[in-house]
PDB file of N, CA and C in Angstrom:
ATOM      1  N   MET A   1      23.553   1.595  11.251  1.00  0.00           N
ATOM      2  CA  MET A   1      22.191   1.880  10.858  1.00  0.00           C
ATOM      3  C   MET A   1      21.316   0.661  11.162  1.00  0.00           C
ATOM      4  N   MET A   2      20.140   0.927  11.678  1.00  0.00           N
ATOM      5  CA  MET A   2      19.235  -0.150  12.054  1.00  0.00           C
ATOM      6  C   MET A   2      18.525  -0.702  10.818  1.00  0.00           C
ATOM      7  N   LYS A   3      18.535  -2.029  10.686  1.00  0.00           N
ATOM      8  CA  LYS A   3      17.883  -2.667   9.549  1.00  0.00           C
ATOM      9  C   LYS A   3      16.444  -3.015   9.921  1.00  0.00           C
ATOM     10  N   ILE A   4      15.524  -2.696   9.020  1.00  0.00           N
ATOM     11  CA  ILE A   4      14.113  -2.985   9.242  1.00  0.00           C
ATOM     12  C   ILE A   4      13.815  -4.363   8.660  1.00  0.00           C
ATOM     13  N   SER A   5      13.150  -5.204   9.431  1.00  0.00           N
ATOM     14  CA  SER A   5      12.836  -6.557   8.961  1.00  0.00           C
ATOM     15  C   SER A   5      11.741  -6.504   7.892  1.00  0.00           C
ATOM     16  N   LYS A   6      11.650  -7.580   7.136  1.00  0.00           N
ATOM     17  CA  LYS A   6      10.644  -7.655   6.073  1.00  0.00           C
ATOM     18  C   LYS A   6       9.232  -7.643   6.645  1.00  0.00           C
ATOM     19  N   THR A   7       9.064  -8.259   7.795  1.00  0.00           N
ATOM     20  CA  THR A   7       7.742  -8.273   8.425  1.00  0.00           C
ATOM     21  C   THR A   7       7.307  -6.859   8.793  1.00  0.00           C
ATOM     22  N   THR A   8       8.236  -6.076   9.328  1.00  0.00           N
ATOM     23  CA  THR A   8       7.928  -4.688   9.679  1.00  0.00           C
ATOM     24  C   THR A   8       7.592  -3.883   8.436  1.00  0.00           C
ATOM     25  N   LEU A   9       8.333  -4.114   7.354  1.00  0.00           N
ATOM     26  CA  LEU A   9       8.045  -3.417   6.099  1.00  0.00           C
ATOM     27  C   LEU A   9       6.654  -3.771   5.573  1.00  0.00           C
ATOM     28  N   ILE A  10       6.286  -5.029   5.690  1.00  0.00           N
ATOM     29  CA  ILE A  10       4.950  -5.444   5.241  1.00  0.00           C
ATOM     30  C   ILE A  10       3.880  -4.693   6.029  1.00  0.00           C
ATOM     31  N   TYR A  11       4.068  -4.582   7.352  1.00  0.00           N
ATOM     32  CA  TYR A  11       3.093  -3.855   8.172  1.00  0.00           C
ATOM     33  C   TYR A  11       3.053  -2.371   7.819  1.00  0.00           C
ATOM     34  N   ILE A  12       4.206  -1.772   7.558  1.00  0.00           N
ATOM     35  CA  ILE A  12       4.254  -0.352   7.178  1.00  0.00           C
ATOM     36  C   ILE A  12       3.521  -0.137   5.860  1.00  0.00           C
ATOM     37  N   TYR A  13       3.800  -1.007   4.880  1.00  0.00           N
ATOM     38  CA  TYR A  13       3.109  -0.897   3.593  1.00  0.00           C
ATOM     39  C   TYR A  13       1.611  -1.145   3.739  1.00  0.00           C
ATOM     40  N   ALA A  14       1.214  -2.048   4.623  1.00  0.00           N
ATOM     41  CA  ALA A  14      -0.211  -2.325   4.829  1.00  0.00           C
ATOM     42  C   ALA A  14      -0.925  -1.107   5.420  1.00  0.00           C
ATOM     43  N   VAL A  15      -0.284  -0.437   6.362  1.00  0.00           N
ATOM     44  CA  VAL A  15      -0.871   0.780   6.939  1.00  0.00           C
ATOM     45  C   VAL A  15      -0.967   1.868   5.872  1.00  0.00           C
ATOM     46  N   ALA A  16       0.096   2.015   5.075  1.00  0.00           N
ATOM     47  CA  ALA A  16       0.083   3.006   4.000  1.00  0.00           C
ATOM     48  C   ALA A  16      -1.002   2.678   2.975  1.00  0.00           C
ATOM     49  N   LEU A  17      -1.182   1.393   2.682  1.00  0.00           N
ATOM     50  CA  LEU A  17      -2.224   0.975   1.741  1.00  0.00           C
ATOM     51  C   LEU A  17      -3.610   1.325   2.276  1.00  0.00           C
ATOM     52  N   CYS A  18      -3.847   1.088   3.552  1.00  0.00           N
ATOM     53  CA  CYS A  18      -5.140   1.448   4.155  1.00  0.00           C
ATOM     54  C   CYS A  18      -5.374   2.949   4.081  1.00  0.00           C
ATOM     55  N   LEU A  19      -4.349   3.725   4.373  1.00  0.00           N
ATOM     56  CA  LEU A  19      -4.465   5.183   4.315  1.00  0.00           C
ATOM     57  C   LEU A  19      -4.758   5.654   2.893  1.00  0.00           C
ATOM     58  N   MET A  20      -4.024   5.124   1.920  1.00  0.00           N
ATOM     59  CA  MET A  20      -4.222   5.545   0.535  1.00  0.00           C
ATOM     60  C   MET A  20      -5.597   5.111   0.016  1.00  0.00           C
ATOM     61  N   THR A  21      -6.064   3.944   0.436  1.00  0.00           N
ATOM     62  CA  THR A  21      -7.394   3.482   0.028  1.00  0.00           C
ATOM     63  C   THR A  21      -8.476   4.383   0.616  1.00  0.00           C
ATOM     64  N   PHE A  22      -8.292   4.779   1.874  1.00  0.00           N
ATOM     65  CA  PHE A  22      -9.241   5.703   2.504  1.00  0.00           C
ATOM     66  C   PHE A  22      -9.271   7.036   1.758  1.00  0.00           C
ATOM     67  N   LEU A  23      -8.087   7.580   1.449  1.00  0.00           N
ATOM     68  CA  LEU A  23      -8.028   8.860   0.743  1.00  0.00           C
ATOM     69  C   LEU A  23      -8.639   8.757  -0.651  1.00  0.00           C
ATOM     70  N   PHE A  24      -8.393   7.635  -1.324  1.00  0.00           N
ATOM     71  CA  PHE A  24      -8.968   7.435  -2.655  1.00  0.00           C
ATOM     72  C   PHE A  24     -10.496   7.405  -2.585  1.00  0.00           C
ATOM     73  N   ALA A  25     -11.030   6.647  -1.641  1.00  0.00           N
ATOM     74  CA  ALA A  25     -12.485   6.563  -1.492  1.00  0.00           C
ATOM     75  C   ALA A  25     -13.075   7.925  -1.135  1.00  0.00           C
ATOM     76  N   LYS A  26     -12.388   8.655  -0.267  1.00  0.00           N
ATOM     77  CA  LYS A  26     -12.853   9.988   0.124  1.00  0.00           C
ATOM     78  C   LYS A  26     -12.896  10.923  -1.082  1.00  0.00           C
ATOM     79  N   ARG A  27     -11.849  10.874  -1.915  1.00  0.00           N
ATOM     80  CA  ARG A  27     -11.808  11.740  -3.100  1.00  0.00           C
ATOM     81  C   ARG A  27     -12.873  11.352  -4.120  1.00  0.00           C
ATOM     82  N   VAL A  28     -13.104  10.055  -4.281  1.00  0.00           N
ATOM     83  CA  VAL A  28     -14.124   9.612  -5.239  1.00  0.00           C
ATOM     84  C   VAL A  28     -15.507  10.048  -4.771  1.00  0.00           C
ATOM     85  N   ILE A  29     -15.804   9.863  -3.500  1.00  0.00           N
ATOM     86  CA  ILE A  29     -17.115  10.262  -2.971  1.00  0.00           C
ATOM     87  C   ILE A  29     -17.295  11.770  -3.070  1.00  0.00           C
ATOM     88  N   THR A  30     -16.261  12.521  -2.726  1.00  0.00           N
ATOM     89  CA  THR A  30     -16.330  13.982  -2.835  1.00  0.00           C
ATOM     90  C   THR A  30     -16.521  14.404  -4.286  1.00  0.00           C
ATOM     91  N   SER A  31     -15.843  13.722  -5.195  1.00  0.00           N
ATOM     92  CA  SER A  31     -15.967  14.055  -6.616  1.00  0.00           C
ATOM     93  C   SER A  31     -17.380  13.791  -7.123  1.00  0.00           C
ATOM     94  N   PHE A  32     -17.993  12.699  -6.684  1.00  0.00           N
ATOM     95  CA  PHE A  32     -19.369  12.420  -7.098  1.00  0.00           C
ATOM     96  C   PHE A  32     -20.340  13.453  -6.529  1.00  0.00           C
ATOM     97  N   ASN A  33     -20.085  13.911  -5.322  1.00  0.00           N
ATOM     98  CA  ASN A  33     -20.978  14.900  -4.704  1.00  0.00           C
ATOM     99  C   ASN A  33     -20.879  16.254  -5.384  1.00  0.00           C
ATOM    100  N   THR A  34     -19.668  16.647  -5.790  1.00  0.00           N
ATOM    101  CA  THR A  34     -19.470  17.974  -6.373  1.00  0.00           C
ATOM    102  C   THR A  34     -19.439  17.958  -7.894  1.00  0.00           C
ATOM    103  N   ASN A  35     -19.382  16.777  -8.505  1.00  0.00           N
ATOM    104  CA  ASN A  35     -19.247  16.626  -9.959  1.00  0.00           C
ATOM    105  C   ASN A  35     -17.994  17.294 -10.504  1.00  0.00           C
ATOM    106  N   GLU A  36     -16.981  17.451  -9.675  1.00  0.00           N
ATOM    107  CA  GLU A  36     -15.687  17.981 -10.109  1.00  0.00           C
ATOM    108  C   GLU A  36     -14.633  16.923  -9.819  1.00  0.00           C
ATOM    109  N   PHE A  37     -14.226  16.217 -10.858  1.00  0.00           N
ATOM    110  CA  PHE A  37     -13.263  15.137 -10.698  1.00  0.00           C
ATOM    111  C   PHE A  37     -11.857  15.664 -10.930  1.00  0.00           C
ATOM    112  N   ASP A  38     -10.986  15.454  -9.954  1.00  0.00           N
ATOM    113  CA  ASP A  38      -9.574  15.791 -10.108  1.00  0.00           C
ATOM    114  C   ASP A  38      -8.868  14.506 -10.531  1.00  0.00           C
ATOM    115  N   TYR A  39      -8.832  14.298 -11.841  1.00  0.00           N
ATOM    116  CA  TYR A  39      -8.336  13.024 -12.370  1.00  0.00           C
ATOM    117  C   TYR A  39      -6.877  12.781 -12.026  1.00  0.00           C
ATOM    118  N   PHE A  40      -6.077  13.842 -11.971  1.00  0.00           N
ATOM    119  CA  PHE A  40      -4.657  13.665 -11.650  1.00  0.00           C
ATOM    120  C   PHE A  40      -4.489  13.069 -10.251  1.00  0.00           C
ATOM    121  N   LYS A  41      -5.199  13.618  -9.268  1.00  0.00           N
ATOM    122  CA  LYS A  41      -5.101  13.099  -7.897  1.00  0.00           C
ATOM    123  C   LYS A  41      -5.639  11.676  -7.804  1.00  0.00           C
ATOM    124  N   LEU A  42      -6.741  11.405  -8.495  1.00  0.00           N
ATOM    125  CA  LEU A  42      -7.319  10.066  -8.453  1.00  0.00           C
ATOM    126  C   LEU A  42      -6.383   9.033  -9.078  1.00  0.00           C
ATOM    127  N   VAL A  43      -5.789   9.369 -10.222  1.00  0.00           N
ATOM    128  CA  VAL A  43      -4.876   8.438 -10.889  1.00  0.00           C
ATOM    129  C   VAL A  43      -3.604   8.261 -10.073  1.00  0.00           C
ATOM    130  N   ALA A  44      -3.062   9.357  -9.532  1.00  0.00           N
ATOM    131  CA  ALA A  44      -1.850   9.258  -8.711  1.00  0.00           C
ATOM    132  C   ALA A  44      -2.108   8.398  -7.480  1.00  0.00           C
ATOM    133  N   ASN A  45      -3.246   8.586  -6.860  1.00  0.00           N
ATOM    134  CA  ASN A  45      -3.607   7.793  -5.688  1.00  0.00           C
ATOM    135  C   ASN A  45      -3.771   6.323  -6.054  1.00  0.00           C
ATOM    136  N   LEU A  46      -4.398   6.044  -7.181  1.00  0.00           N
ATOM    137  CA  LEU A  46      -4.594   4.668  -7.629  1.00  0.00           C
ATOM    138  C   LEU A  46      -3.261   3.997  -7.957  1.00  0.00           C
ATOM    139  N   ILE A  47      -2.334   4.743  -8.546  1.00  0.00           N
ATOM    140  CA  ILE A  47      -1.002   4.198  -8.844  1.00  0.00           C
ATOM    141  C   ILE A  47      -0.277   3.838  -7.554  1.00  0.00           C
ATOM    142  N   LEU A  48      -0.370   4.687  -6.547  1.00  0.00           N
ATOM    143  CA  LEU A  48       0.256   4.380  -5.259  1.00  0.00           C
ATOM    144  C   LEU A  48      -0.378   3.151  -4.607  1.00  0.00           C
ATOM    145  N   ILE A  49      -1.678   3.011  -4.722  1.00  0.00           N
ATOM    146  CA  ILE A  49      -2.355   1.838  -4.162  1.00  0.00           C
ATOM    147  C   ILE A  49      -1.850   0.565  -4.836  1.00  0.00           C
ATOM    148  N   VAL A  50      -1.756   0.585  -6.159  1.00  0.00           N
ATOM    149  CA  VAL A  50      -1.262  -0.586  -6.894  1.00  0.00           C
ATOM    150  C   VAL A  50       0.186  -0.874  -6.515  1.00  0.00           C
ATOM    151  N   TYR A  51       1.000   0.179  -6.366  1.00  0.00           N
ATOM    152  CA  TYR A  51       2.401   0.003  -5.970  1.00  0.00           C
ATOM    153  C   TYR A  51       2.501  -0.672  -4.598  1.00  0.00           C
ATOM    154  N   PHE A  52       1.710  -0.212  -3.639  1.00  0.00           N
ATOM    155  CA  PHE A  52       1.747  -0.806  -2.299  1.00  0.00           C
ATOM    156  C   PHE A  52       1.283  -2.260  -2.328  1.00  0.00           C
ATOM    157  N   ILE A  53       0.274  -2.568  -3.132  1.00  0.00           N
ATOM    158  CA  ILE A  53      -0.186  -3.957  -3.240  1.00  0.00           C
ATOM    159  C   ILE A  53       0.919  -4.840  -3.799  1.00  0.00           C
ATOM    160  N   ILE A  54       1.589  -4.370  -4.842  1.00  0.00           N
ATOM    161  CA  ILE A  54       2.677  -5.150  -5.447  1.00  0.00           C
ATOM    162  C   ILE A  54       3.806  -5.363  -4.449  1.00  0.00           C
ATOM    163  N   LYS A  55       4.168  -4.319  -3.708  1.00  0.00           N
ATOM    164  CA  LYS A  55       5.251  -4.440  -2.724  1.00  0.00           C
ATOM    165  C   LYS A  55       4.876  -5.410  -1.609  1.00  0.00           C
ATOM    166  N   ILE A  56       3.641  -5.358  -1.131  1.00  0.00           N
ATOM    167  CA  ILE A  56       3.204  -6.260  -0.061  1.00  0.00           C
ATOM    168  C   ILE A  56       3.235  -7.706  -0.538  1.00  0.00           C
ATOM    169  N   VAL A  57       2.750  -7.962  -1.748  1.00  0.00           N
ATOM    170  CA  VAL A  57       2.749  -9.327  -2.281  1.00  0.00           C
ATOM    171  C   VAL A  57       4.178  -9.822  -2.469  1.00  0.00           C
ATOM    172  N   LYS A  58       5.040  -8.968  -3.006  1.00  0.00           N
ATOM    173  CA  LYS A  58       6.436  -9.352  -3.239  1.00  0.00           C
ATOM    174  C   LYS A  58       7.148  -9.662  -1.921  1.00  0.00           C
ATOM    175  N   LEU A  59       7.010  -8.792  -0.935  1.00  0.00           N
ATOM    176  CA  LEU A  59       7.647  -9.027   0.360  1.00  0.00           C
ATOM    177  C   LEU A  59       7.042 -10.238   1.065  1.00  0.00           C
ATOM    178  N   GLY A  60       5.743 -10.443   0.911  1.00  0.00           N
ATOM    179  CA  GLY A  60       5.100 -11.608   1.509  1.00  0.00           C
ATOM    180  C   GLY A  60       5.621 -12.909   0.924  1.00  0.00           C
ATOM    181  N   LYS A  61       5.817 -12.927  -0.387  1.00  0.00           N
ATOM    182  CA  LYS A  61       6.372 -14.123  -1.025  1.00  0.00           C
ATOM    183  C   LYS A  61       7.792 -14.382  -0.541  1.00  0.00           C
ATOM    184  N   GLU A  62       8.607 -13.321  -0.455  1.00  0.00           N
ATOM    185  CA  GLU A  62       9.978 -13.478   0.035  1.00  0.00           C
ATOM    186  C   GLU A  62       9.979 -13.986   1.472  1.00  0.00           C
ATOM    187  N   GLN A  63       9.095 -13.453   2.287  1.00  0.00           N
ATOM    188  CA  GLN A  63       9.019 -13.858   3.691  1.00  0.00           C
ATOM    189  C   GLN A  63       8.587 -15.317   3.815  1.00  0.00           C
ATOM    190  N   ASN A  64       7.656 -15.743   2.981  1.00  0.00           N
ATOM    191  CA  ASN A  64       7.173 -17.124   3.040  1.00  0.00           C
ATOM    192  C   ASN A  64       8.178 -18.123   2.489  1.00  0.00           C
ATOM    193  N   ASN A  65       9.068 -17.684   1.608  1.00  0.00           N
ATOM    194  CA  ASN A  65      10.041 -18.589   1.005  1.00  0.00           C
ATOM    195  C   ASN A  65      11.327 -18.702   1.806  1.00  0.00           C
ATOM    196  N   GLN A  66      11.439 -18.017   2.935  1.00  0.00           N
ATOM    197  CA  GLN A  66      12.640 -18.100   3.764  1.00  0.00           C
ATOM    198  C   GLN A  66      12.709 -19.453   4.452  1.00  0.00           C
ATOM    199  N   ASP A  67      13.937 -19.832   4.825  1.00  0.00           N
ATOM    200  CA  ASP A  67      14.125 -21.049   5.613  1.00  0.00           C
ATOM    201  C   ASP A  67      13.447 -20.877   6.966  1.00  0.00           C
ATOM    202  N   PRO A  68      12.836 -21.935   7.478  1.00  0.00           N
ATOM    203  CA  PRO A  68      12.233 -21.838   8.817  1.00  0.00           C
ATOM    204  C   PRO A  68      13.276 -21.550   9.895  1.00  0.00           C
ATOM    205  N   THR A  69      14.529 -21.947   9.664  1.00  0.00           N
ATOM    206  CA  THR A  69      15.572 -21.699  10.663  1.00  0.00           C
ATOM    207  C   THR A  69      15.991 -20.239  10.686  1.00  0.00           C
ATOM    208  N   SER A  70      15.802 -19.517   9.562  1.00  0.00           N
ATOM    209  CA  SER A  70      16.219 -18.118   9.529  1.00  0.00           C
ATOM    210  C   SER A  70      15.160 -17.187  10.103  1.00  0.00           C
ATOM    211  N   LEU A  71      14.006 -17.719  10.473  1.00  0.00           N
ATOM    212  CA  LEU A  71      12.944 -16.884  11.031  1.00  0.00           C
ATOM    213  C   LEU A  71      13.127 -16.618  12.517  1.00  0.00           C
ATOM    214  N   LYS A  72      14.076 -17.289  13.153  1.00  0.00           N
ATOM    215  CA  LYS A  72      14.288 -17.121  14.592  1.00  0.00           C
ATOM    216  C   LYS A  72      14.932 -15.806  14.901  1.00  0.00           C
TER     217      LYS A  72
END
């Protein structure tokens, strides 16, 4: 099985974070226009955004704390 590097995971999470942020903003704007707020979708989307931020920060710290010799 192919192992995915931490750098690749950070990029995948960053793309997912951008997508989820776009969807969240789209839902909020749509909700303001229609005055119908779907709180479950908004909260679920916000939880995923926070999860992706935490994962990116955690992986970034691990990546920065590696030995310079192991980055080759």
